[in-house]
Amino acid sequence: MVEDQVLDRAYSALADPTRRWLLKTLREGDARISDLAAPLPMTFAGVSRHIGVLESAGLVQREIRGREHWLSLKPDGLTMAQQWINEQTDFWSTRADALAARLRRKGQPG
């Protein structure tokens, strides 16, 4: 059940293009929230809400340095989501391979 909640938060966070942009931008390195907000066509409060979603999903972390709030990616933030995708891919690949083999067998005279 906890795993489902973690996955729900991660995938919900990734569903929004603004949050994906924030994550992509943070791949370049830590950034101040004000710098992340500047190019976006929304209020600072709106950006802060997006950041809150990313934080609660465990994808970013905030560090307060003096009066500034800095964000960085959490290295293992997507680990559980990636594991789930890998499990699904393995399952469906195995099923697809079995179907292909069965169709080949049916197509052979016999």
PDB file of N, CA and C in Angstrom:
ATOM      1  N   MET A   1       0.815  -1.186   0.000  1.00  0.00           N
ATOM      2  CA  MET A   1       0.000   0.000   0.000  1.00  0.00           C
ATOM      3  C   MET A   1       0.867   1.261   0.000  1.00  0.00           C
ATOM      4  N   VAL A   2       1.928   1.256   0.787  1.00  0.00           N
ATOM      5  CA  VAL A   2       2.842   2.400   0.810  1.00  0.00           C
ATOM      6  C   VAL A   2       3.478   2.574  -0.559  1.00  0.00           C
ATOM      7  N   GLU A   3       3.830   1.450  -1.193  1.00  0.00           N
ATOM      8  CA  GLU A   3       4.425   1.523  -2.524  1.00  0.00           C
ATOM      9  C   GLU A   3       3.463   2.193  -3.502  1.00  0.00           C
ATOM     10  N   ASP A   4       2.180   1.848  -3.420  1.00  0.00           N
ATOM     11  CA  ASP A   4       1.189   2.467  -4.303  1.00  0.00           C
ATOM     12  C   ASP A   4       1.118   3.973  -4.086  1.00  0.00           C
ATOM     13  N   GLN A   5       1.175   4.400  -2.834  1.00  0.00           N
ATOM     14  CA  GLN A   5       1.110   5.830  -2.540  1.00  0.00           C
ATOM     15  C   GLN A   5       2.331   6.553  -3.098  1.00  0.00           C
ATOM     16  N   VAL A   6       3.492   5.942  -2.973  1.00  0.00           N
ATOM     17  CA  VAL A   6       4.721   6.545  -3.497  1.00  0.00           C
ATOM     18  C   VAL A   6       4.633   6.651  -5.015  1.00  0.00           C
ATOM     19  N   LEU A   7       4.182   5.583  -5.658  1.00  0.00           N
ATOM     20  CA  LEU A   7       4.041   5.603  -7.116  1.00  0.00           C
ATOM     21  C   LEU A   7       3.000   6.627  -7.557  1.00  0.00           C
ATOM     22  N   ASP A   8       1.884   6.690  -6.847  1.00  0.00           N
ATOM     23  CA  ASP A   8       0.845   7.668  -7.189  1.00  0.00           C
ATOM     24  C   ASP A   8       1.385   9.086  -7.139  1.00  0.00           C
ATOM     25  N   ARG A   9       2.132   9.401  -6.084  1.00  0.00           N
ATOM     26  CA  ARG A   9       2.687  10.754  -5.959  1.00  0.00           C
ATOM     27  C   ARG A   9       3.705  11.037  -7.058  1.00  0.00           C
ATOM     28  N   ALA A  10       4.556  10.060  -7.353  1.00  0.00           N
ATOM     29  CA  ALA A  10       5.587  10.265  -8.381  1.00  0.00           C
ATOM     30  C   ALA A  10       4.952  10.474  -9.751  1.00  0.00           C
ATOM     31  N   TYR A  11       4.031   9.587 -10.126  1.00  0.00           N
ATOM     32  CA  TYR A  11       3.426   9.704 -11.448  1.00  0.00           C
ATOM     33  C   TYR A  11       2.525  10.933 -11.555  1.00  0.00           C
ATOM     34  N   SER A  12       1.862  11.291 -10.472  1.00  0.00           N
ATOM     35  CA  SER A  12       1.052  12.507 -10.469  1.00  0.00           C
ATOM     36  C   SER A  12       1.946  13.731 -10.659  1.00  0.00           C
ATOM     37  N   ALA A  13       3.076  13.733  -9.991  1.00  0.00           N
ATOM     38  CA  ALA A  13       4.018  14.853 -10.132  1.00  0.00           C
ATOM     39  C   ALA A  13       4.538  14.947 -11.559  1.00  0.00           C
ATOM     40  N   LEU A  14       4.820  13.813 -12.168  1.00  0.00           N
ATOM     41  CA  LEU A  14       5.365  13.804 -13.528  1.00  0.00           C
ATOM     42  C   LEU A  14       4.311  14.109 -14.588  1.00  0.00           C
ATOM     43  N   ALA A  15       3.041  14.065 -14.232  1.00  0.00           N
ATOM     44  CA  ALA A  15       1.968  14.276 -15.205  1.00  0.00           C
ATOM     45  C   ALA A  15       1.862  15.725 -15.673  1.00  0.00           C
ATOM     46  N   ASP A  16       2.457  16.637 -14.945  1.00  0.00           N
ATOM     47  CA  ASP A  16       2.318  18.055 -15.277  1.00  0.00           C
ATOM     48  C   ASP A  16       3.544  18.565 -16.035  1.00  0.00           C
ATOM     49  N   PRO A  17       3.341  19.250 -17.164  1.00  0.00           N
ATOM     50  CA  PRO A  17       4.485  19.738 -17.956  1.00  0.00           C
ATOM     51  C   PRO A  17       5.355  20.752 -17.219  1.00  0.00           C
ATOM     52  N   THR A  18       4.782  21.576 -16.366  1.00  0.00           N
ATOM     53  CA  THR A  18       5.586  22.541 -15.605  1.00  0.00           C
ATOM     54  C   THR A  18       6.514  21.812 -14.653  1.00  0.00           C
ATOM     55  N   ARG A  19       6.010  20.795 -13.992  1.00  0.00           N
ATOM     56  CA  ARG A  19       6.857  20.041 -13.058  1.00  0.00           C
ATOM     57  C   ARG A  19       7.936  19.269 -13.801  1.00  0.00           C
ATOM     58  N   ARG A  20       7.609  18.733 -14.975  1.00  0.00           N
ATOM     59  CA  ARG A  20       8.651  18.061 -15.773  1.00  0.00           C
ATOM     60  C   ARG A  20       9.716  19.059 -16.195  1.00  0.00           C
ATOM     61  N   TRP A  21       9.309  20.271 -16.542  1.00  0.00           N
ATOM     62  CA  TRP A  21      10.277  21.306 -16.912  1.00  0.00           C
ATOM     63  C   TRP A  21      11.181  21.632 -15.729  1.00  0.00           C
ATOM     64  N   LEU A  22      10.594  21.757 -14.539  1.00  0.00           N
ATOM     65  CA  LEU A  22      11.402  22.038 -13.348  1.00  0.00           C
ATOM     66  C   LEU A  22      12.433  20.929 -13.120  1.00  0.00           C
ATOM     67  N   LEU A  23      12.002  19.684 -13.237  1.00  0.00           N
ATOM     68  CA  LEU A  23      12.931  18.557 -13.048  1.00  0.00           C
ATOM     69  C   LEU A  23      14.028  18.573 -14.097  1.00  0.00           C
ATOM     70  N   LYS A  24      13.647  18.834 -15.331  1.00  0.00           N
ATOM     71  CA  LYS A  24      14.639  18.877 -16.422  1.00  0.00           C
ATOM     72  C   LYS A  24      15.659  19.989 -16.171  1.00  0.00           C
ATOM     73  N   THR A  25      15.178  21.140 -15.726  1.00  0.00           N
ATOM     74  CA  THR A  25      16.068  22.265 -15.442  1.00  0.00           C
ATOM     75  C   THR A  25      17.017  21.934 -14.292  1.00  0.00           C
ATOM     76  N   LEU A  26      16.521  21.231 -13.294  1.00  0.00           N
ATOM     77  CA  LEU A  26      17.370  20.873 -12.148  1.00  0.00           C
ATOM     78  C   LEU A  26      18.421  19.831 -12.494  1.00  0.00           C
ATOM     79  N   ARG A  27      18.291  19.174 -13.631  1.00  0.00           N
ATOM     80  CA  ARG A  27      19.356  18.239 -14.049  1.00  0.00           C
ATOM     81  C   ARG A  27      20.664  18.978 -14.283  1.00  0.00           C
ATOM     82  N   GLU A  28      20.573  20.275 -14.565  1.00  0.00           N
ATOM     83  CA  GLU A  28      21.774  21.085 -14.788  1.00  0.00           C
ATOM     84  C   GLU A  28      22.461  21.446 -13.475  1.00  0.00           C
ATOM     85  N   GLY A  29      21.778  21.266 -12.360  1.00  0.00           N
ATOM     86  CA  GLY A  29      22.366  21.569 -11.060  1.00  0.00           C
ATOM     87  C   GLY A  29      21.369  22.268 -10.151  1.00  0.00           C
ATOM     88  N   ASP A  30      21.768  22.459  -8.912  1.00  0.00           N
ATOM     89  CA  ASP A  30      20.924  23.136  -7.927  1.00  0.00           C
ATOM     90  C   ASP A  30      20.527  24.514  -8.453  1.00  0.00           C
ATOM     91  N   ALA A  31      19.337  24.962  -8.041  1.00  0.00           N
ATOM     92  CA  ALA A  31      18.872  26.275  -8.488  1.00  0.00           C
ATOM     93  C   ALA A  31      18.037  26.920  -7.386  1.00  0.00           C
ATOM     94  N   ARG A  32      18.091  28.242  -7.359  1.00  0.00           N
ATOM     95  CA  ARG A  32      17.237  28.980  -6.444  1.00  0.00           C
ATOM     96  C   ARG A  32      15.812  28.938  -6.983  1.00  0.00           C
ATOM     97  N   ILE A  33      14.866  28.886  -6.080  1.00  0.00           N
ATOM     98  CA  ILE A  33      13.466  28.846  -6.502  1.00  0.00           C
ATOM     99  C   ILE A  33      13.120  30.081  -7.319  1.00  0.00           C
ATOM    100  N   SER A  34      13.631  31.222  -6.923  1.00  0.00           N
ATOM    101  CA  SER A  34      13.334  32.453  -7.674  1.00  0.00           C
ATOM    102  C   SER A  34      13.859  32.374  -9.105  1.00  0.00           C
ATOM    103  N   ASP A  35      15.012  31.746  -9.313  1.00  0.00           N
ATOM    104  CA  ASP A  35      15.545  31.596 -10.661  1.00  0.00           C
ATOM    105  C   ASP A  35      14.706  30.625 -11.489  1.00  0.00           C
ATOM    106  N   LEU A  36      14.200  29.578 -10.841  1.00  0.00           N
ATOM    107  CA  LEU A  36      13.337  28.630 -11.542  1.00  0.00           C
ATOM    108  C   LEU A  36      12.013  29.278 -11.923  1.00  0.00           C
ATOM    109  N   ALA A  37      11.508  30.144 -11.056  1.00  0.00           N
ATOM    110  CA  ALA A  37      10.205  30.762 -11.285  1.00  0.00           C
ATOM    111  C   ALA A  37      10.246  31.846 -12.361  1.00  0.00           C
ATOM    112  N   ALA A  38      11.386  32.515 -12.507  1.00  0.00           N
ATOM    113  CA  ALA A  38      11.472  33.686 -13.384  1.00  0.00           C
ATOM    114  C   ALA A  38      10.979  33.440 -14.818  1.00  0.00           C
ATOM    115  N   PRO A  39      11.383  32.375 -15.490  1.00  0.00           N
ATOM    116  CA  PRO A  39      10.943  32.226 -16.875  1.00  0.00           C
ATOM    117  C   PRO A  39       9.530  31.656 -17.046  1.00  0.00           C
ATOM    118  N   LEU A  40       8.898  31.263 -15.972  1.00  0.00           N
ATOM    119  CA  LEU A  40       7.592  30.619 -16.083  1.00  0.00           C
ATOM    120  C   LEU A  40       6.463  31.650 -16.110  1.00  0.00           C
ATOM    121  N   PRO A  41       5.447  31.405 -16.922  1.00  0.00           N
ATOM    122  CA  PRO A  41       4.338  32.353 -17.052  1.00  0.00           C
ATOM    123  C   PRO A  41       3.272  32.159 -15.977  1.00  0.00           C
ATOM    124  N   MET A  42       3.698  32.200 -14.719  1.00  0.00           N
ATOM    125  CA  MET A  42       2.760  32.053 -13.606  1.00  0.00           C
ATOM    126  C   MET A  42       3.317  32.786 -12.408  1.00  0.00           C
ATOM    127  N   THR A  43       2.503  32.899 -11.391  1.00  0.00           N
ATOM    128  CA  THR A  43       2.935  33.600 -10.183  1.00  0.00           C
ATOM    129  C   THR A  43       3.958  32.753  -9.424  1.00  0.00           C
ATOM    130  N   PHE A  44       4.684  33.423  -8.553  1.00  0.00           N
ATOM    131  CA  PHE A  44       5.633  32.717  -7.702  1.00  0.00           C
ATOM    132  C   PHE A  44       4.905  31.692  -6.836  1.00  0.00           C
ATOM    133  N   ALA A  45       3.710  32.060  -6.370  1.00  0.00           N
ATOM    134  CA  ALA A  45       2.919  31.137  -5.546  1.00  0.00           C
ATOM    135  C   ALA A  45       2.557  29.879  -6.349  1.00  0.00           C
ATOM    136  N   GLY A  46       2.253  30.056  -7.625  1.00  0.00           N
ATOM    137  CA  GLY A  46       1.949  28.905  -8.473  1.00  0.00           C
ATOM    138  C   GLY A  46       3.147  27.979  -8.618  1.00  0.00           C
ATOM    139  N   VAL A  47       4.309  28.570  -8.829  1.00  0.00           N
ATOM    140  CA  VAL A  47       5.534  27.765  -8.928  1.00  0.00           C
ATOM    141  C   VAL A  47       5.792  27.056  -7.598  1.00  0.00           C
ATOM    142  N   SER A  48       5.567  27.747  -6.502  1.00  0.00           N
ATOM    143  CA  SER A  48       5.772  27.145  -5.183  1.00  0.00           C
ATOM    144  C   SER A  48       4.873  25.935  -4.977  1.00  0.00           C
ATOM    145  N   ARG A  49       3.640  26.005  -5.470  1.00  0.00           N
ATOM    146  CA  ARG A  49       2.742  24.849  -5.360  1.00  0.00           C
ATOM    147  C   ARG A  49       3.294  23.661  -6.162  1.00  0.00           C
ATOM    148  N   HIS A  50       3.794  23.932  -7.354  1.00  0.00           N
ATOM    149  CA  HIS A  50       4.393  22.856  -8.153  1.00  0.00           C
ATOM    150  C   HIS A  50       5.593  22.245  -7.430  1.00  0.00           C
ATOM    151  N   ILE A  51       6.399  23.090  -6.844  1.00  0.00           N
ATOM    152  CA  ILE A  51       7.566  22.600  -6.108  1.00  0.00           C
ATOM    153  C   ILE A  51       7.130  21.756  -4.911  1.00  0.00           C
ATOM    154  N   GLY A  52       6.067  22.173  -4.247  1.00  0.00           N
ATOM    155  CA  GLY A  52       5.541  21.391  -3.127  1.00  0.00           C
ATOM    156  C   GLY A  52       5.124  19.990  -3.557  1.00  0.00           C
ATOM    157  N   VAL A  53       4.528  19.884  -4.731  1.00  0.00           N
ATOM    158  CA  VAL A  53       4.142  18.564  -5.252  1.00  0.00           C
ATOM    159  C   VAL A  53       5.389  17.715  -5.506  1.00  0.00           C
ATOM    160  N   LEU A  54       6.411  18.327  -6.096  1.00  0.00           N
ATOM    161  CA  LEU A  54       7.658  17.593  -6.360  1.00  0.00           C
ATOM    162  C   LEU A  54       8.334  17.165  -5.057  1.00  0.00           C
ATOM    163  N   GLU A  55       8.290  18.021  -4.057  1.00  0.00           N
ATOM    164  CA  GLU A  55       8.873  17.670  -2.759  1.00  0.00           C
ATOM    165  C   GLU A  55       8.112  16.518  -2.112  1.00  0.00           C
ATOM    166  N   SER A  56       6.797  16.590  -2.121  1.00  0.00           N
ATOM    167  CA  SER A  56       6.018  15.526  -1.471  1.00  0.00           C
ATOM    168  C   SER A  56       6.137  14.207  -2.220  1.00  0.00           C
ATOM    169  N   ALA A  57       6.465  14.268  -3.506  1.00  0.00           N
ATOM    170  CA  ALA A  57       6.691  13.047  -4.294  1.00  0.00           C
ATOM    171  C   ALA A  57       8.103  12.503  -4.087  1.00  0.00           C
ATOM    172  N   GLY A  58       8.937  13.256  -3.379  1.00  0.00           N
ATOM    173  CA  GLY A  58      10.304  12.796  -3.118  1.00  0.00           C
ATOM    174  C   GLY A  58      11.234  12.957  -4.308  1.00  0.00           C
ATOM    175  N   LEU A  59      10.892  13.877  -5.216  1.00  0.00           N
ATOM    176  CA  LEU A  59      11.715  14.055  -6.418  1.00  0.00           C
ATOM    177  C   LEU A  59      12.728  15.178  -6.284  1.00  0.00           C
ATOM    178  N   VAL A  60      12.456  16.140  -5.413  1.00  0.00           N
ATOM    179  CA  VAL A  60      13.391  17.241  -5.173  1.00  0.00           C
ATOM    180  C   VAL A  60      13.518  17.471  -3.670  1.00  0.00           C
ATOM    181  N   GLN A  61      14.579  18.147  -3.311  1.00  0.00           N
ATOM    182  CA  GLN A  61      14.769  18.537  -1.916  1.00  0.00           C
ATOM    183  C   GLN A  61      15.145  20.006  -1.871  1.00  0.00           C
ATOM    184  N   ARG A  62      14.737  20.625  -0.793  1.00  0.00           N
ATOM    185  CA  ARG A  62      14.961  22.055  -0.598  1.00  0.00           C
ATOM    186  C   ARG A  62      16.019  22.238   0.475  1.00  0.00           C
ATOM    187  N   GLU A  63      16.884  23.193   0.229  1.00  0.00           N
ATOM    188  CA  GLU A  63      17.892  23.574   1.227  1.00  0.00           C
ATOM    189  C   GLU A  63      17.832  25.087   1.377  1.00  0.00           C
ATOM    190  N   ILE A  64      17.777  25.545   2.612  1.00  0.00           N
ATOM    191  CA  ILE A  64      17.747  26.983   2.859  1.00  0.00           C
ATOM    192  C   ILE A  64      19.169  27.439   3.133  1.00  0.00           C
ATOM    193  N   ARG A  65      19.623  28.347   2.289  1.00  0.00           N
ATOM    194  CA  ARG A  65      20.967  28.920   2.422  1.00  0.00           C
ATOM    195  C   ARG A  65      20.787  30.419   2.648  1.00  0.00           C
ATOM    196  N   GLY A  66      20.954  30.823   3.879  1.00  0.00           N
ATOM    197  CA  GLY A  66      20.695  32.229   4.209  1.00  0.00           C
ATOM    198  C   GLY A  66      19.215  32.507   4.040  1.00  0.00           C
ATOM    199  N   ARG A  67      18.898  33.450   3.156  1.00  0.00           N
ATOM    200  CA  ARG A  67      17.495  33.792   2.907  1.00  0.00           C
ATOM    201  C   ARG A  67      16.962  33.150   1.634  1.00  0.00           C
ATOM    202  N   GLU A  68      17.779  32.381   0.982  1.00  0.00           N
ATOM    203  CA  GLU A  68      17.373  31.800  -0.299  1.00  0.00           C
ATOM    204  C   GLU A  68      17.060  30.315  -0.157  1.00  0.00           C
ATOM    205  N   HIS A  69      16.076  29.894  -0.919  1.00  0.00           N
ATOM    206  CA  HIS A  69      15.699  28.481  -0.956  1.00  0.00           C
ATOM    207  C   HIS A  69      16.229  27.886  -2.256  1.00  0.00           C
ATOM    208  N   TRP A  70      17.008  26.836  -2.104  1.00  0.00           N
ATOM    209  CA  TRP A  70      17.606  26.146  -3.253  1.00  0.00           C
ATOM    210  C   TRP A  70      16.967  24.773  -3.398  1.00  0.00           C
ATOM    211  N   LEU A  71      16.822  24.357  -4.639  1.00  0.00           N
ATOM    212  CA  LEU A  71      16.289  23.030  -4.928  1.00  0.00           C
ATOM    213  C   LEU A  71      17.335  22.199  -5.621  1.00  0.00           C
ATOM    214  N   SER A  72      17.272  20.911  -5.355  1.00  0.00           N
ATOM    215  CA  SER A  72      18.114  19.954  -6.076  1.00  0.00           C
ATOM    216  C   SER A  72      17.313  18.678  -6.267  1.00  0.00           C
ATOM    217  N   LEU A  73      17.697  17.920  -7.259  1.00  0.00           N
ATOM    218  CA  LEU A  73      17.059  16.635  -7.505  1.00  0.00           C
ATOM    219  C   LEU A  73      17.464  15.654  -6.425  1.00  0.00           C
ATOM    220  N   LYS A  74      16.549  14.790  -6.056  1.00  0.00           N
ATOM    221  CA  LYS A  74      16.887  13.692  -5.143  1.00  0.00           C
ATOM    222  C   LYS A  74      17.331  12.531  -6.027  1.00  0.00           C
ATOM    223  N   PRO A  75      18.543  12.062  -5.845  1.00  0.00           N
ATOM    224  CA  PRO A  75      19.098  11.043  -6.744  1.00  0.00           C
ATOM    225  C   PRO A  75      18.242   9.786  -6.879  1.00  0.00           C
ATOM    226  N   ASP A  76      17.588   9.380  -5.811  1.00  0.00           N
ATOM    227  CA  ASP A  76      16.815   8.140  -5.874  1.00  0.00           C
ATOM    228  C   ASP A  76      15.310   8.399  -5.935  1.00  0.00           C
ATOM    229  N   GLY A  77      14.932   9.617  -6.294  1.00  0.00           N
ATOM    230  CA  GLY A  77      13.528   9.990  -6.293  1.00  0.00           C
ATOM    231  C   GLY A  77      12.640   9.163  -7.205  1.00  0.00           C
ATOM    232  N   LEU A  78      13.176   8.713  -8.312  1.00  0.00           N
ATOM    233  CA  LEU A  78      12.377   7.939  -9.268  1.00  0.00           C
ATOM    234  C   LEU A  78      12.685   6.448  -9.237  1.00  0.00           C
ATOM    235  N   THR A  79      13.452   6.003  -8.265  1.00  0.00           N
ATOM    236  CA  THR A  79      13.857   4.601  -8.220  1.00  0.00           C
ATOM    237  C   THR A  79      12.668   3.653  -8.188  1.00  0.00           C
ATOM    238  N   MET A  80      11.718   3.889  -7.310  1.00  0.00           N
ATOM    239  CA  MET A  80      10.584   2.978  -7.205  1.00  0.00           C
ATOM    240  C   MET A  80       9.729   3.014  -8.472  1.00  0.00           C
ATOM    241  N   ALA A  81       9.544   4.208  -9.036  1.00  0.00           N
ATOM    242  CA  ALA A  81       8.771   4.326 -10.271  1.00  0.00           C
ATOM    243  C   ALA A  81       9.478   3.590 -11.412  1.00  0.00           C
ATOM    244  N   GLN A  82      10.785   3.724 -11.487  1.00  0.00           N
ATOM    245  CA  GLN A  82      11.549   3.037 -12.535  1.00  0.00           C
ATOM    246  C   GLN A  82      11.486   1.525 -12.355  1.00  0.00           C
ATOM    247  N   GLN A  83      11.553   1.060 -11.122  1.00  0.00           N
ATOM    248  CA  GLN A  83      11.445  -0.379 -10.870  1.00  0.00           C
ATOM    249  C   GLN A  83      10.088  -0.909 -11.320  1.00  0.00           C
ATOM    250  N   TRP A  84       9.037  -0.144 -11.052  1.00  0.00           N
ATOM    251  CA  TRP A  84       7.697  -0.563 -11.457  1.00  0.00           C
ATOM    252  C   TRP A  84       7.609  -0.649 -12.980  1.00  0.00           C
ATOM    253  N   ILE A  85       8.146   0.360 -13.664  1.00  0.00           N
ATOM    254  CA  ILE A  85       8.139   0.347 -15.134  1.00  0.00           C
ATOM    255  C   ILE A  85       8.927  -0.851 -15.654  1.00  0.00           C
ATOM    256  N   ASN A  86      10.074  -1.129 -15.062  1.00  0.00           N
ATOM    257  CA  ASN A  86      10.884  -2.278 -15.494  1.00  0.00           C
ATOM    258  C   ASN A  86      10.133  -3.587 -15.311  1.00  0.00           C
ATOM    259  N   GLU A  87       9.431  -3.731 -14.185  1.00  0.00           N
ATOM    260  CA  GLU A  87       8.654  -4.951 -13.949  1.00  0.00           C
ATOM    261  C   GLU A  87       7.557  -5.109 -14.990  1.00  0.00           C
ATOM    262  N   GLN A  88       6.877  -4.024 -15.309  1.00  0.00           N
ATOM    263  CA  GLN A  88       5.810  -4.081 -16.315  1.00  0.00           C
ATOM    264  C   GLN A  88       6.379  -4.400 -17.699  1.00  0.00           C
ATOM    265  N   THR A  89       7.500  -3.784 -18.014  1.00  0.00           N
ATOM    266  CA  THR A  89       8.136  -4.036 -19.308  1.00  0.00           C
ATOM    267  C   THR A  89       8.558  -5.493 -19.428  1.00  0.00           C
ATOM    268  N   ASP A  90       9.166  -6.030 -18.382  1.00  0.00           N
ATOM    269  CA  ASP A  90       9.580  -7.438 -18.397  1.00  0.00           C
ATOM    270  C   ASP A  90       8.370  -8.357 -18.574  1.00  0.00           C
ATOM    271  N   PHE A  91       7.294  -8.084 -17.847  1.00  0.00           N
ATOM    272  CA  PHE A  91       6.095  -8.909 -17.930  1.00  0.00           C
ATOM    273  C   PHE A  91       5.534  -8.896 -19.348  1.00  0.00           C
ATOM    274  N   TRP A  92       5.339  -7.697 -19.901  1.00  0.00           N
ATOM    275  CA  TRP A  92       4.714  -7.610 -21.221  1.00  0.00           C
ATOM    276  C   TRP A  92       5.649  -8.091 -22.323  1.00  0.00           C
ATOM    277  N   SER A  93       6.929  -7.936 -22.159  1.00  0.00           N
ATOM    278  CA  SER A  93       7.875  -8.470 -23.146  1.00  0.00           C
ATOM    279  C   SER A  93       7.808  -9.991 -23.183  1.00  0.00           C
ATOM    280  N   THR A  94       7.745 -10.603 -21.995  1.00  0.00           N
ATOM    281  CA  THR A  94       7.632 -12.062 -21.907  1.00  0.00           C
ATOM    282  C   THR A  94       6.341 -12.525 -22.554  1.00  0.00           C
ATOM    283  N   ARG A  95       5.251 -11.829 -22.286  1.00  0.00           N
ATOM    284  CA  ARG A  95       3.960 -12.188 -22.878  1.00  0.00           C
ATOM    285  C   ARG A  95       3.990 -12.027 -24.395  1.00  0.00           C
ATOM    286  N   ALA A  96       4.581 -10.943 -24.864  1.00  0.00           N
ATOM    287  CA  ALA A  96       4.665 -10.711 -26.307  1.00  0.00           C
ATOM    288  C   ALA A  96       5.519 -11.770 -26.973  1.00  0.00           C
ATOM    289  N   ASP A  97       6.632 -12.151 -26.339  1.00  0.00           N
ATOM    290  CA  ASP A  97       7.485 -13.203 -26.890  1.00  0.00           C
ATOM    291  C   ASP A  97       6.740 -14.525 -26.958  1.00  0.00           C
ATOM    292  N   ALA A  98       5.971 -14.847 -25.918  1.00  0.00           N
ATOM    293  CA  ALA A  98       5.196 -16.096 -25.903  1.00  0.00           C
ATOM    294  C   ALA A  98       4.132 -16.076 -26.990  1.00  0.00           C
ATOM    295  N   LEU A  99       3.480 -14.944 -27.181  1.00  0.00           N
ATOM    296  CA  LEU A  99       2.469 -14.831 -28.233  1.00  0.00           C
ATOM    297  C   LEU A  99       3.103 -14.992 -29.605  1.00  0.00           C
ATOM    298  N   ALA A 100       4.238 -14.349 -29.813  1.00  0.00           N
ATOM    299  CA  ALA A 100       4.921 -14.468 -31.104  1.00  0.00           C
ATOM    300  C   ALA A 100       5.308 -15.913 -31.385  1.00  0.00           C
ATOM    301  N   ALA A 101       5.816 -16.611 -30.379  1.00  0.00           N
ATOM    302  CA  ALA A 101       6.189 -18.019 -30.557  1.00  0.00           C
ATOM    303  C   ALA A 101       4.964 -18.866 -30.882  1.00  0.00           C
ATOM    304  N   ARG A 102       3.870 -18.602 -30.202  1.00  0.00           N
ATOM    305  CA  ARG A 102       2.640 -19.364 -30.455  1.00  0.00           C
ATOM    306  C   ARG A 102       2.123 -19.100 -31.871  1.00  0.00           C
ATOM    307  N   LEU A 103       2.154 -17.875 -32.302  1.00  0.00           N
ATOM    308  CA  LEU A 103       1.693 -17.557 -33.655  1.00  0.00           C
ATOM    309  C   LEU A 103       2.587 -18.208 -34.705  1.00  0.00           C
ATOM    310  N   ARG A 104       3.881 -18.248 -34.436  1.00  0.00           N
ATOM    311  CA  ARG A 104       4.794 -18.929 -35.379  1.00  0.00           C
ATOM    312  C   ARG A 104       4.454 -20.403 -35.470  1.00  0.00           C
ATOM    313  N   ARG A 105       4.177 -21.029 -34.314  1.00  0.00           N
ATOM    314  CA  ARG A 105       3.837 -22.439 -34.305  1.00  0.00           C
ATOM    315  C   ARG A 105       2.526 -22.703 -35.061  1.00  0.00           C
ATOM    316  N   LYS A 106       1.545 -21.849 -34.863  1.00  0.00           N
ATOM    317  CA  LYS A 106       0.258 -22.013 -35.542  1.00  0.00           C
ATOM    318  C   LYS A 106       0.381 -21.818 -37.040  1.00  0.00           C
ATOM    319  N   GLY A 107       1.314 -20.969 -37.443  1.00  0.00           N
ATOM    320  CA  GLY A 107       1.487 -20.671 -38.874  1.00  0.00           C
ATOM    321  C   GLY A 107       2.221 -21.772 -39.616  1.00  0.00           C
ATOM    322  N   GLN A 108       2.857 -22.686 -38.898  1.00  0.00           N
ATOM    323  CA  GLN A 108       3.617 -23.758 -39.553  1.00  0.00           C
ATOM    324  C   GLN A 108       2.670 -24.916 -39.896  1.00  0.00           C
ATOM    325  N   PRO A 109       2.874 -25.508 -41.054  1.00  0.00           N
ATOM    326  CA  PRO A 109       2.045 -26.682 -41.397  1.00  0.00           C
ATOM    327  C   PRO A 109       2.360 -27.815 -40.432  1.00  0.00           C
ATOM    328  N   GLY A 110       1.339 -28.543 -40.125  1.00  0.00           N
ATOM    329  CA  GLY A 110       1.718 -29.548 -39.216  1.00  0.00           C
ATOM    330  C   GLY A 110       0.821 -30.563 -38.839  1.00  0.00           C
TER     331      GLY A 110
END
